N, C-alpha and C. Protein backbone atom coordinates (compact mmCIF):
# COMPACT_ATOMS: atom_id res chain seq x y z
N MET A 1 0.82 -1.13 -0.01
CA MET A 1 0.14 0.07 -0.18
C MET A 1 0.81 1.13 0.03
N ARG A 2 0.38 2.34 -0.60
CA ARG A 2 1.14 3.60 -0.58
C ARG A 2 0.25 4.60 0.18
N ALA A 3 0.92 5.52 0.62
CA ALA A 3 0.18 6.62 1.40
C ALA A 3 0.89 7.88 1.35
N LEU A 4 0.21 8.89 1.12
CA LEU A 4 0.95 10.21 1.39
C LEU A 4 0.38 10.92 2.39
N LEU A 5 1.17 11.14 3.55
CA LEU A 5 0.83 11.83 4.63
C LEU A 5 0.90 13.36 4.73
N GLN A 6 0.08 14.05 5.11
CA GLN A 6 0.43 15.52 5.20
C GLN A 6 -0.07 15.84 6.73
N ARG A 7 0.93 16.64 7.38
CA ARG A 7 0.41 17.26 8.71
C ARG A 7 -0.29 18.33 8.43
N VAL A 8 -1.43 18.37 9.12
CA VAL A 8 -2.39 19.38 8.76
C VAL A 8 -2.82 20.07 10.13
N SER A 9 -3.23 21.37 9.95
CA SER A 9 -4.02 22.09 11.08
C SER A 9 -5.28 21.76 10.91
N GLU A 10 -5.84 21.49 9.71
CA GLU A 10 -7.33 21.26 9.42
C GLU A 10 -7.37 20.70 8.07
N ALA A 11 -8.31 19.78 7.74
CA ALA A 11 -8.57 19.17 6.51
C ALA A 11 -10.09 18.70 6.46
N GLN A 12 -10.68 18.83 5.24
CA GLN A 12 -12.00 18.26 4.92
C GLN A 12 -12.18 17.79 3.66
N VAL A 13 -13.11 16.93 3.47
CA VAL A 13 -13.52 16.35 2.06
C VAL A 13 -14.89 16.43 2.08
N ALA A 14 -15.25 16.95 0.65
CA ALA A 14 -16.74 17.11 0.45
C ALA A 14 -16.96 16.27 -0.84
N VAL A 15 -18.23 16.04 -0.92
CA VAL A 15 -18.89 15.16 -2.10
C VAL A 15 -20.19 15.92 -2.34
N ASP A 16 -20.29 16.46 -3.64
CA ASP A 16 -21.52 17.15 -4.00
C ASP A 16 -21.75 18.29 -3.07
N GLY A 17 -20.72 19.00 -2.59
CA GLY A 17 -20.86 20.11 -1.90
C GLY A 17 -21.25 19.85 -0.35
N GLU A 18 -21.28 18.84 0.08
CA GLU A 18 -21.40 18.37 1.23
C GLU A 18 -20.26 17.67 1.92
N VAL A 19 -19.68 18.26 3.18
CA VAL A 19 -18.55 17.87 3.94
C VAL A 19 -18.96 16.49 4.45
N ILE A 20 -18.19 15.35 4.12
CA ILE A 20 -18.38 14.16 4.62
C ILE A 20 -17.26 13.59 5.57
N GLY A 21 -16.28 14.41 5.73
CA GLY A 21 -15.15 14.08 6.68
C GLY A 21 -14.32 15.27 6.91
N GLN A 22 -13.87 15.11 8.13
CA GLN A 22 -12.80 16.33 8.44
C GLN A 22 -12.01 16.04 9.63
N THR A 23 -11.00 16.63 9.88
CA THR A 23 -10.04 16.61 10.95
C THR A 23 -9.54 18.00 11.34
N GLY A 24 -9.36 18.08 12.58
CA GLY A 24 -8.41 19.24 13.11
C GLY A 24 -7.09 18.94 12.94
N GLN A 25 -6.18 19.38 13.97
CA GLN A 25 -4.76 18.93 14.06
C GLN A 25 -4.68 17.50 13.84
N GLY A 26 -3.82 17.07 13.00
CA GLY A 26 -3.67 15.74 12.72
C GLY A 26 -2.98 15.39 11.30
N LEU A 27 -3.54 14.50 10.67
CA LEU A 27 -3.17 13.89 9.35
C LEU A 27 -4.28 13.96 8.37
N LEU A 28 -3.86 14.29 7.09
CA LEU A 28 -4.50 13.91 5.97
C LEU A 28 -3.86 12.77 5.32
N VAL A 29 -4.41 11.59 5.23
CA VAL A 29 -3.88 10.40 4.70
C VAL A 29 -4.54 9.99 3.29
N LEU A 30 -3.74 10.35 2.20
CA LEU A 30 -4.13 9.86 0.91
C LEU A 30 -3.64 8.39 0.92
N VAL A 31 -4.44 7.59 0.54
CA VAL A 31 -4.08 6.03 0.45
C VAL A 31 -4.38 5.37 -0.78
N CYS A 32 -3.55 4.46 -1.32
CA CYS A 32 -3.80 3.58 -2.53
C CYS A 32 -3.27 2.30 -2.19
N ALA A 33 -4.39 1.35 -2.45
CA ALA A 33 -3.87 -0.33 -2.45
C ALA A 33 -3.38 -0.50 -3.83
N MET A 34 -2.34 -1.27 -3.81
CA MET A 34 -1.69 -1.69 -4.93
C MET A 34 -1.97 -3.14 -5.33
N GLN A 35 -1.75 -3.58 -6.54
CA GLN A 35 -1.96 -5.04 -6.80
C GLN A 35 -1.17 -5.95 -5.99
N GLY A 36 -1.86 -6.84 -5.39
CA GLY A 36 -1.11 -7.86 -4.56
C GLY A 36 -1.24 -7.66 -3.21
N ASP A 37 -1.69 -6.37 -2.72
CA ASP A 37 -1.81 -5.93 -1.31
C ASP A 37 -2.87 -6.66 -0.53
N THR A 38 -2.34 -6.94 0.60
CA THR A 38 -3.28 -7.74 1.51
C THR A 38 -3.69 -6.96 2.71
N GLN A 39 -4.31 -7.55 3.69
CA GLN A 39 -4.66 -6.84 4.94
C GLN A 39 -3.34 -6.65 5.76
N ALA A 40 -2.34 -7.59 5.45
CA ALA A 40 -1.02 -7.50 6.19
C ALA A 40 -0.44 -6.30 5.78
N GLU A 41 -0.43 -5.64 4.51
CA GLU A 41 0.16 -4.47 4.18
C GLU A 41 -0.64 -3.27 4.98
N ALA A 42 -2.05 -3.39 4.97
CA ALA A 42 -2.84 -2.43 5.48
C ALA A 42 -2.45 -2.22 7.15
N ASP A 43 -2.40 -3.38 7.76
CA ASP A 43 -2.02 -3.36 9.14
C ASP A 43 -0.67 -2.66 9.42
N ARG A 44 0.32 -3.16 8.64
CA ARG A 44 1.67 -2.38 8.73
C ARG A 44 1.74 -0.92 8.54
N LEU A 45 0.99 -0.62 7.52
CA LEU A 45 0.91 0.86 7.25
C LEU A 45 0.18 1.67 8.30
N ALA A 46 -0.89 1.09 8.69
CA ALA A 46 -1.83 1.84 9.83
C ALA A 46 -0.79 1.90 11.08
N ALA A 47 -0.12 0.87 11.48
CA ALA A 47 0.56 1.00 12.65
C ALA A 47 1.81 1.87 12.42
N LYS A 48 2.43 1.83 11.37
CA LYS A 48 3.48 2.77 11.13
C LYS A 48 3.07 4.25 11.18
N ILE A 49 1.81 4.69 10.44
CA ILE A 49 1.35 6.01 10.41
C ILE A 49 1.01 6.36 11.88
N ALA A 50 0.32 5.51 12.55
CA ALA A 50 -0.01 5.92 14.00
C ALA A 50 1.16 6.47 14.75
N LYS A 51 2.39 5.74 14.51
CA LYS A 51 3.53 5.92 15.44
C LYS A 51 4.53 6.88 14.68
N THR A 52 4.29 7.26 13.46
CA THR A 52 5.34 8.32 12.84
C THR A 52 5.51 9.62 13.54
N ARG A 53 6.74 9.97 13.98
CA ARG A 53 6.78 11.16 14.73
C ARG A 53 7.15 12.34 13.80
N ILE A 54 6.09 13.02 13.47
CA ILE A 54 6.28 14.25 12.66
C ILE A 54 5.52 15.44 13.21
N PHE A 55 5.17 15.43 14.45
CA PHE A 55 4.64 16.61 15.13
C PHE A 55 5.84 17.15 16.23
N THR A 56 5.91 18.33 16.20
CA THR A 56 6.88 18.91 17.02
C THR A 56 6.64 18.99 18.50
N ASP A 57 7.80 18.74 19.25
CA ASP A 57 7.67 18.89 20.69
C ASP A 57 7.95 20.43 21.04
N ASP A 58 8.02 20.52 22.51
CA ASP A 58 8.34 21.99 22.86
C ASP A 58 9.43 22.59 22.44
N GLY A 59 10.50 21.76 22.09
CA GLY A 59 11.79 22.38 21.51
C GLY A 59 11.86 22.44 20.15
N GLY A 60 10.63 22.12 19.35
CA GLY A 60 10.70 22.28 17.95
C GLY A 60 11.04 21.15 16.94
N LYS A 61 11.41 20.06 17.78
CA LYS A 61 11.64 18.86 16.95
C LYS A 61 10.77 18.04 16.63
N MET A 62 10.71 17.42 15.61
CA MET A 62 9.67 16.40 15.40
C MET A 62 9.75 15.05 16.02
N ASN A 63 9.24 15.05 17.25
CA ASN A 63 9.26 14.08 18.15
C ASN A 63 8.15 13.35 18.58
N HIS A 64 6.89 13.82 18.10
CA HIS A 64 5.72 13.33 18.37
C HIS A 64 4.85 12.72 17.20
N SER A 65 4.00 11.72 17.60
CA SER A 65 3.22 11.07 16.66
C SER A 65 1.72 11.69 16.67
N VAL A 66 0.79 11.38 15.94
CA VAL A 66 -0.67 11.82 15.96
C VAL A 66 -1.14 11.36 17.28
N LEU A 67 -0.76 10.25 17.69
CA LEU A 67 -1.22 9.59 18.96
C LEU A 67 -0.76 10.60 20.20
N ASP A 68 0.46 10.94 20.08
CA ASP A 68 1.08 11.66 21.28
C ASP A 68 0.29 13.03 21.35
N ILE A 69 -0.02 13.71 20.32
CA ILE A 69 -0.72 14.82 20.38
C ILE A 69 -2.10 14.78 20.50
N GLY A 70 -2.75 13.76 20.38
CA GLY A 70 -4.03 13.52 20.56
C GLY A 70 -4.80 14.11 19.39
N GLY A 71 -4.15 13.87 18.16
CA GLY A 71 -4.84 14.27 16.79
C GLY A 71 -5.58 13.31 16.26
N SER A 72 -6.11 13.61 15.09
CA SER A 72 -6.96 12.66 14.33
C SER A 72 -6.51 12.62 12.82
N ALA A 73 -7.31 11.71 12.08
CA ALA A 73 -6.90 11.58 10.56
C ALA A 73 -8.00 11.48 9.79
N LEU A 74 -7.93 12.15 8.57
CA LEU A 74 -8.86 12.11 7.68
C LEU A 74 -8.21 11.25 6.47
N VAL A 75 -8.68 10.15 6.11
CA VAL A 75 -8.29 9.37 5.35
C VAL A 75 -9.19 9.21 4.05
N VAL A 76 -8.33 9.59 2.82
CA VAL A 76 -8.99 9.68 1.48
C VAL A 76 -8.53 8.68 0.62
N SER A 77 -9.23 7.83 -0.12
CA SER A 77 -8.69 7.07 -1.14
C SER A 77 -8.23 8.09 -2.33
N GLN A 78 -7.16 7.45 -2.76
CA GLN A 78 -6.58 8.19 -3.95
C GLN A 78 -5.66 7.19 -4.86
N PHE A 79 -6.34 6.60 -5.91
CA PHE A 79 -5.84 5.66 -6.73
C PHE A 79 -4.66 6.30 -7.67
N THR A 80 -4.61 7.53 -7.85
CA THR A 80 -3.65 8.17 -8.48
C THR A 80 -2.16 8.04 -7.83
N LEU A 81 -2.04 7.46 -6.68
CA LEU A 81 -0.79 7.43 -6.13
C LEU A 81 -0.10 6.23 -6.69
N ALA A 82 -0.81 5.44 -7.68
CA ALA A 82 -0.23 4.40 -8.25
C ALA A 82 0.25 4.77 -9.60
N ALA A 83 0.44 5.98 -9.98
CA ALA A 83 0.59 6.54 -11.20
C ALA A 83 2.06 6.18 -11.77
N ASP A 84 2.06 5.65 -12.89
CA ASP A 84 3.32 5.18 -13.65
C ASP A 84 3.50 6.33 -14.53
N THR A 85 4.70 7.05 -14.42
CA THR A 85 4.99 8.28 -15.28
C THR A 85 6.17 7.96 -16.27
N SER A 86 6.57 6.85 -16.13
CA SER A 86 7.88 6.46 -16.68
C SER A 86 7.69 6.65 -18.48
N ARG A 87 6.50 6.52 -18.93
CA ARG A 87 6.43 6.69 -20.53
C ARG A 87 5.40 7.67 -20.71
N GLY A 88 5.66 8.36 -21.75
CA GLY A 88 4.78 9.26 -22.45
C GLY A 88 4.37 10.43 -21.31
N ASN A 89 3.14 11.07 -21.67
CA ASN A 89 2.58 12.11 -20.80
C ASN A 89 1.35 11.93 -20.11
N ARG A 90 0.84 10.60 -20.34
CA ARG A 90 -0.33 10.24 -19.72
C ARG A 90 0.23 9.10 -18.65
N PRO A 91 -0.20 9.30 -17.41
CA PRO A 91 0.14 8.41 -16.30
C PRO A 91 -0.68 7.18 -16.58
N GLY A 92 -0.07 5.91 -16.32
CA GLY A 92 -0.82 4.63 -16.16
C GLY A 92 -1.13 4.35 -14.82
N TYR A 93 -2.39 3.72 -14.60
CA TYR A 93 -2.80 3.15 -13.12
C TYR A 93 -2.84 1.90 -13.14
N SER A 94 -2.28 1.09 -13.89
CA SER A 94 -2.53 -0.46 -13.98
C SER A 94 -1.78 -1.15 -12.78
N SER A 95 -1.10 -0.49 -11.95
CA SER A 95 -0.45 -1.25 -10.64
C SER A 95 -1.39 -1.04 -9.46
N ALA A 96 -2.26 -0.16 -9.69
CA ALA A 96 -3.32 -0.19 -8.56
C ALA A 96 -4.21 -1.30 -8.44
N ALA A 97 -4.58 -1.54 -7.18
CA ALA A 97 -5.53 -2.72 -7.09
C ALA A 97 -6.86 -2.43 -7.76
N ALA A 98 -7.45 -3.58 -8.20
CA ALA A 98 -8.86 -3.39 -8.80
C ALA A 98 -9.66 -2.77 -7.96
N PRO A 99 -10.68 -1.96 -8.47
CA PRO A 99 -11.64 -1.20 -7.51
C PRO A 99 -12.17 -1.98 -6.39
N GLU A 100 -12.74 -3.05 -6.66
CA GLU A 100 -13.32 -3.76 -5.55
C GLU A 100 -12.54 -4.17 -4.41
N GLU A 101 -11.32 -4.68 -4.80
CA GLU A 101 -10.18 -4.96 -3.80
C GLU A 101 -9.69 -3.65 -3.10
N GLY A 102 -9.40 -2.61 -3.97
CA GLY A 102 -9.01 -1.41 -3.48
C GLY A 102 -9.99 -0.72 -2.37
N HIS A 103 -11.34 -0.88 -2.68
CA HIS A 103 -12.28 -0.39 -1.76
C HIS A 103 -12.16 -1.17 -0.38
N LYS A 104 -12.11 -2.50 -0.42
CA LYS A 104 -11.94 -3.38 0.74
C LYS A 104 -10.92 -2.85 1.63
N LEU A 105 -9.63 -2.65 0.96
CA LEU A 105 -8.33 -2.62 1.61
C LEU A 105 -8.40 -0.93 2.04
N TYR A 106 -9.10 -0.22 1.39
CA TYR A 106 -9.21 1.17 1.83
C TYR A 106 -9.96 1.27 3.28
N GLU A 107 -11.14 0.67 3.21
CA GLU A 107 -12.01 0.49 4.33
C GLU A 107 -11.27 -0.02 5.54
N TYR A 108 -10.69 -1.28 5.30
CA TYR A 108 -9.92 -1.98 6.26
C TYR A 108 -8.78 -1.23 6.87
N PHE A 109 -7.94 -0.45 6.00
CA PHE A 109 -6.95 0.53 6.50
C PHE A 109 -7.55 1.51 7.34
N ALA A 110 -8.56 2.19 6.97
CA ALA A 110 -9.07 3.07 7.90
C ALA A 110 -9.42 2.58 9.41
N GLU A 111 -10.14 1.32 9.31
CA GLU A 111 -10.50 0.73 10.52
C GLU A 111 -9.15 0.38 11.43
N GLN A 112 -8.22 -0.17 10.73
CA GLN A 112 -6.95 -0.52 11.54
C GLN A 112 -6.29 0.74 12.02
N LEU A 113 -6.32 1.83 11.38
CA LEU A 113 -5.65 3.11 11.89
C LEU A 113 -6.60 3.58 13.11
N ALA A 114 -7.93 3.47 13.02
CA ALA A 114 -8.77 3.54 14.24
C ALA A 114 -8.56 2.78 15.25
N GLN A 115 -8.18 1.54 15.04
CA GLN A 115 -7.93 0.44 16.14
C GLN A 115 -6.50 0.67 16.77
N GLN A 116 -5.70 1.59 16.19
CA GLN A 116 -4.33 1.95 16.82
C GLN A 116 -4.44 3.25 17.67
N GLY A 117 -5.85 3.66 17.69
CA GLY A 117 -6.13 4.64 18.76
C GLY A 117 -6.35 5.94 18.02
N VAL A 118 -6.21 6.04 16.59
CA VAL A 118 -6.33 7.56 16.14
C VAL A 118 -7.76 7.68 15.60
N PRO A 119 -8.52 8.70 15.98
CA PRO A 119 -9.94 9.13 15.61
C PRO A 119 -9.65 9.30 13.96
N VAL A 120 -10.66 8.66 13.14
CA VAL A 120 -10.45 8.69 11.80
C VAL A 120 -11.92 8.99 11.33
N GLU A 121 -11.81 9.75 10.20
CA GLU A 121 -13.05 10.07 9.34
C GLU A 121 -12.39 9.90 7.93
N THR A 122 -13.45 9.46 7.00
CA THR A 122 -12.85 9.28 5.72
C THR A 122 -13.73 9.98 4.53
N GLY A 123 -13.13 9.82 3.40
CA GLY A 123 -13.72 10.37 2.18
C GLY A 123 -14.63 9.14 1.62
N ARG A 124 -15.06 9.21 0.48
CA ARG A 124 -15.93 8.13 -0.17
C ARG A 124 -15.37 7.66 -1.29
N PHE A 125 -14.99 6.33 -1.14
CA PHE A 125 -14.28 5.55 -2.22
C PHE A 125 -15.01 5.74 -3.59
N GLY A 126 -14.21 6.22 -4.60
CA GLY A 126 -14.66 6.19 -5.95
C GLY A 126 -15.42 7.57 -6.39
N ALA A 127 -15.67 8.45 -5.41
CA ALA A 127 -16.50 9.57 -5.51
C ALA A 127 -15.58 10.73 -6.15
N ASP A 128 -16.23 11.73 -6.67
CA ASP A 128 -15.57 12.86 -7.08
C ASP A 128 -15.37 13.68 -5.79
N MET A 129 -14.36 13.82 -5.17
CA MET A 129 -14.18 14.48 -3.75
C MET A 129 -13.33 15.69 -4.01
N LYS A 130 -13.73 16.62 -3.20
CA LYS A 130 -13.04 17.93 -3.15
C LYS A 130 -12.29 17.94 -1.76
N VAL A 131 -11.10 17.91 -1.82
CA VAL A 131 -10.27 17.90 -0.39
C VAL A 131 -9.61 19.29 -0.30
N SER A 132 -9.74 19.83 0.99
CA SER A 132 -9.19 21.10 1.38
C SER A 132 -8.34 20.86 2.52
N LEU A 133 -7.15 21.51 2.56
CA LEU A 133 -6.40 21.39 3.89
C LEU A 133 -5.46 22.53 4.16
N ILE A 134 -5.17 22.70 5.33
CA ILE A 134 -4.06 23.59 5.61
C ILE A 134 -2.81 22.68 6.23
N ASN A 135 -1.84 22.56 5.37
CA ASN A 135 -0.69 21.87 5.42
C ASN A 135 0.14 22.65 6.49
N ASP A 136 0.40 21.92 7.62
CA ASP A 136 1.17 22.41 8.76
C ASP A 136 2.65 22.22 8.57
N GLY A 137 3.46 23.28 8.10
CA GLY A 137 4.70 23.04 8.21
C GLY A 137 5.51 23.61 7.03
N PRO A 138 5.16 23.12 5.81
CA PRO A 138 4.59 22.06 5.27
C PRO A 138 5.32 20.85 5.63
N VAL A 139 4.57 19.78 6.06
CA VAL A 139 5.30 18.51 6.31
C VAL A 139 4.44 17.45 5.52
N THR A 140 5.06 16.77 4.42
CA THR A 140 4.42 15.91 3.50
C THR A 140 5.40 14.61 3.50
N ILE A 141 4.75 13.39 3.76
CA ILE A 141 5.57 12.22 3.97
C ILE A 141 5.03 11.10 2.97
N TRP A 142 6.02 10.60 2.11
CA TRP A 142 5.54 9.53 1.30
C TRP A 142 5.86 8.03 1.94
N MET A 143 4.91 7.28 1.98
CA MET A 143 4.92 5.84 2.71
C MET A 143 4.71 4.68 1.68
N GLU A 144 5.34 3.61 1.85
CA GLU A 144 5.04 2.45 0.95
C GLU A 144 5.38 1.15 1.85
N VAL A 145 4.40 0.38 1.86
CA VAL A 145 4.87 -0.96 2.68
C VAL A 145 4.74 -2.06 1.75
């Protein structure tokens, strides 16, 4: 699985003009299931994200996780993280999991992140979503398991 983490002051996702998920201080997690991924990859990714220390301590060093600061996460599916840009000008997405499997792993990942103790809200898989955020730092981290 692949994820792009953004440390945010706030973020929200809307579908058809209605906000369906949001977070305050915490993480915006854009996530993509890849071909061959299983629940084991989702488990590892959720555990890693919950413990990743990208929030600052009193000394200004990134020593705290989203759990440490009592933050939350907005998890949004984004199959375009599977983009292959090695040829031509139009990215290919054939390495992403099939939609049915991707949907299952996306939902499972969000549940596992919540099981780690992180309050989670989500977008809507396959929907045309409008995501807005205030990137704090900015801090943006690419993860792949």
